[in-house]
């Protein structure tokens, strides 16, 4: 998948050598699955476990402008690159 504006990413893409990741995917009932496909996901990689956990907390929080009845549309899964996380 091509990124329109790579300069807008918080961290450079393609850091799979980092050991700790978060896989972002769509819930099974999300209508966007018809557009993106049932296997769509995006991986975000971090150098340390603490960085990943902080990012996961931030990514999965309820947005301050959300309505009371809104629920998260994304699933967040911890992933690990064993080769990179264990020297």
Protein backbone atom coordinates (compact mmCIF):
# COMPACT_ATOMS: atom_id res chain seq x y z
CA UNK A 1 0.00 0.00 0.00
CA UNK A 2 1.43 3.37 -1.01
CA UNK A 3 1.55 6.23 1.47
CA UNK A 4 0.38 9.53 -0.01
CA UNK A 5 2.40 11.83 2.23
CA UNK A 6 5.28 9.94 3.82
CA UNK A 7 6.55 13.18 5.35
CA UNK A 8 3.45 13.22 7.59
CA UNK A 9 4.29 9.96 9.35
CA UNK A 10 5.39 10.30 12.99
CA UNK A 11 8.11 7.74 12.41
CA UNK A 12 9.71 6.54 9.21
CA UNK A 13 8.00 3.60 7.57
CA UNK A 14 9.84 0.32 7.17
CA UNK A 15 11.40 -0.12 10.58
CA UNK A 16 10.66 -3.84 10.73
CA UNK A 17 14.09 -4.35 12.29
CA UNK A 18 12.61 -2.94 15.51
CA UNK A 19 11.43 -5.73 17.75
CA UNK A 20 8.05 -4.65 19.09
CA UNK A 21 5.01 -3.87 17.01
CA UNK A 22 1.33 -3.08 16.91
CA UNK A 23 -0.82 -4.52 14.15
CA UNK A 24 -3.80 -2.33 13.31
CA UNK A 25 -6.69 -4.10 11.55
CA UNK A 26 -10.39 -3.62 10.95
CA UNK A 27 -13.07 -5.30 13.03
CA UNK A 28 -14.97 -8.09 11.26
CA UNK A 29 -18.15 -6.00 11.04
CA UNK A 30 -16.48 -2.82 9.75
CA UNK A 31 -17.94 -1.73 6.37
CA UNK A 32 -14.50 -0.53 5.23
CA UNK A 33 -13.51 -4.20 4.92
CA UNK A 34 -15.44 -4.21 1.63
CA UNK A 35 -13.12 -1.48 0.33
CA UNK A 36 -9.80 -2.53 1.85
CA UNK A 37 -10.31 -6.28 1.92
CA UNK A 38 -10.68 -8.68 4.84
CA UNK A 39 -6.91 -9.08 5.33
CA UNK A 40 -6.01 -5.36 5.49
CA UNK A 41 -3.68 -4.40 8.31
CA UNK A 42 -0.87 -1.97 9.08
CA UNK A 43 2.08 -2.71 11.33
CA UNK A 44 3.79 -0.04 13.43
CA UNK A 45 7.23 -0.97 14.83
CA UNK A 46 9.05 0.29 17.93
CA UNK A 47 12.55 -0.23 19.28
CA UNK A 48 11.52 -0.95 22.86
CA UNK A 49 8.67 -2.60 24.69
CA UNK A 50 7.98 0.63 26.61
CA UNK A 51 7.68 2.64 23.38
CA UNK A 52 5.23 0.11 22.00
CA UNK A 53 3.09 0.06 25.14
CA UNK A 54 2.95 3.88 25.25
CA UNK A 55 1.94 4.00 21.58
CA UNK A 56 -0.68 1.28 22.10
CA UNK A 57 -2.20 3.21 24.99
CA UNK A 58 -2.34 6.35 22.86
CA UNK A 59 -3.66 4.62 19.72
CA UNK A 60 -6.42 2.72 21.51
CA UNK A 61 -7.68 5.53 23.73
CA UNK A 62 -11.11 7.00 23.20
CA UNK A 63 -10.75 10.26 21.29
CA UNK A 64 -11.80 13.30 23.30
CA UNK A 65 -14.21 14.35 20.54
CA UNK A 66 -15.94 10.96 20.34
CA UNK A 67 -19.63 10.70 21.07
CA UNK A 68 -20.70 8.66 24.09
CA UNK A 69 -22.11 5.94 21.83
CA UNK A 70 -19.03 5.66 19.58
CA UNK A 71 -16.95 2.51 19.80
CA UNK A 72 -13.46 1.88 18.40
CA UNK A 73 -13.47 0.73 14.78
CA UNK A 74 -9.95 -0.73 14.83
CA UNK A 75 -8.36 -3.72 16.50
CA UNK A 76 -4.87 -3.41 17.97
CA UNK A 77 -2.73 -6.51 18.38
CA UNK A 78 0.71 -6.72 19.93
CA UNK A 79 3.22 -8.35 17.57
CA UNK A 80 6.89 -9.09 18.00
CA UNK A 81 9.80 -9.60 15.62
CA UNK A 82 11.69 -12.23 17.62
CA UNK A 83 14.87 -11.89 15.59
CA UNK A 84 15.06 -8.15 16.30
CA UNK A 85 13.83 -8.17 19.90
CA UNK A 86 16.29 -10.79 21.18
CA UNK A 87 19.95 -9.99 20.51
